[in-house]
Amino acid sequence: MTNTCPICDKGILVERQDHQTIQYRGFGLNIPMVFSHCNQCESNQATDQQVLKNKQTCMAMKASVEMHIHQSMAATL
């Protein structure tokens, strides 16, 4: 199944992955983000499924930081 670009209505959307660094509670998180790139108009966009996957990845990374913080706090008690 091909995905036609909804912006130019000519190109094909190809899934790509890049990393975005965000700061969370003093930690720099390098989060892999998925999106679609049009081979015709060069636009980047995200499908609903990609947005959901990116959100889940971000939430999992934040949960990992929280676990690390709680373990560090418990170790100092």
Protein backbone atom coordinates (compact mmCIF):
# COMPACT_ATOMS: atom_id res chain seq x y z
CA MET A 1 0.00 0.00 0.00
CA THR A 2 1.40 3.40 -0.94
CA ASN A 3 0.79 6.57 0.98
CA THR A 4 0.18 9.59 -1.22
CA CYS A 5 1.24 12.89 0.30
CA PRO A 6 -1.85 14.87 1.38
CA ILE A 7 0.03 18.16 0.95
CA CYS A 8 1.13 17.93 -2.70
CA ASP A 9 -1.06 14.96 -3.72
CA LYS A 10 1.81 13.75 -5.94
CA GLY A 11 4.57 12.30 -3.82
CA ILE A 12 4.86 9.15 -1.79
CA LEU A 13 5.33 9.29 1.98
CA VAL A 14 8.28 7.32 3.26
CA GLU A 15 8.70 6.62 6.98
CA ARG A 16 11.88 8.00 8.51
CA GLN A 17 13.36 8.20 11.96
CA ASP A 18 15.34 10.98 13.58
CA HIS A 19 16.30 11.79 17.15
CA GLN A 20 15.21 14.76 19.20
CA THR A 21 16.89 15.74 22.44
CA ILE A 22 14.65 17.05 25.20
CA GLN A 23 15.45 18.07 28.75
CA TYR A 24 13.50 16.30 31.47
CA ARG A 25 14.24 16.73 35.19
CA GLY A 26 17.85 17.59 34.50
CA PHE A 27 18.44 14.75 32.06
CA GLY A 28 18.97 15.12 28.31
CA LEU A 29 16.86 12.46 26.63
CA ASN A 30 17.73 11.50 23.06
CA ILE A 31 14.35 10.29 21.81
CA PRO A 32 13.85 8.46 18.50
CA MET A 33 10.97 10.04 16.60
CA VAL A 34 9.23 8.58 13.55
CA PHE A 35 7.63 10.67 10.81
CA SER A 36 6.81 10.56 7.11
CA HIS A 37 8.76 12.39 4.42
CA CYS A 38 7.35 13.18 0.97
CA ASN A 39 9.69 12.30 -1.89
CA GLN A 40 8.12 15.01 -4.08
CA CYS A 41 7.48 18.19 -2.05
CA GLU A 42 10.02 17.31 0.70
CA SER A 43 7.51 17.97 3.51
CA ASN A 44 7.73 16.15 6.83
CA GLN A 45 4.56 15.10 8.60
CA ALA A 46 3.39 12.50 11.08
CA THR A 47 0.48 10.12 10.80
CA ASP A 48 -1.80 9.51 13.77
CA GLN A 49 -0.01 6.20 14.40
CA GLN A 50 3.41 7.89 14.30
CA VAL A 51 2.28 10.59 16.73
CA LEU A 52 1.01 7.88 19.10
CA LYS A 53 4.26 5.90 18.80
CA ASN A 54 6.32 9.06 19.46
CA LYS A 55 4.21 9.87 22.52
CA GLN A 56 4.57 6.34 23.89
CA THR A 57 8.34 6.43 23.36
CA CYS A 58 8.60 9.79 25.12
CA MET A 59 6.48 8.63 28.05
CA ALA A 60 8.56 5.45 28.42
CA MET A 61 11.80 7.45 28.47
CA LYS A 62 10.37 9.82 31.09
CA ALA A 63 9.22 6.84 33.19
CA SER A 64 12.76 5.47 32.99
CA VAL A 65 14.13 8.76 34.35
CA GLU A 66 11.58 8.71 37.18
CA MET A 67 12.60 5.14 38.09
CA HIS A 68 16.27 6.15 38.07
CA ILE A 69 15.56 9.14 40.33
CA HIS A 70 13.55 7.04 42.80
CA GLN A 71 16.23 4.34 42.90
CA SER A 72 18.91 6.95 43.51
CA MET A 73 16.88 8.50 46.31
CA ALA A 74 16.26 5.09 47.93
CA ALA A 75 19.97 4.27 47.76
CA THR A 76 20.86 7.41 49.71
CA LEU A 77 18.46 6.66 52.59
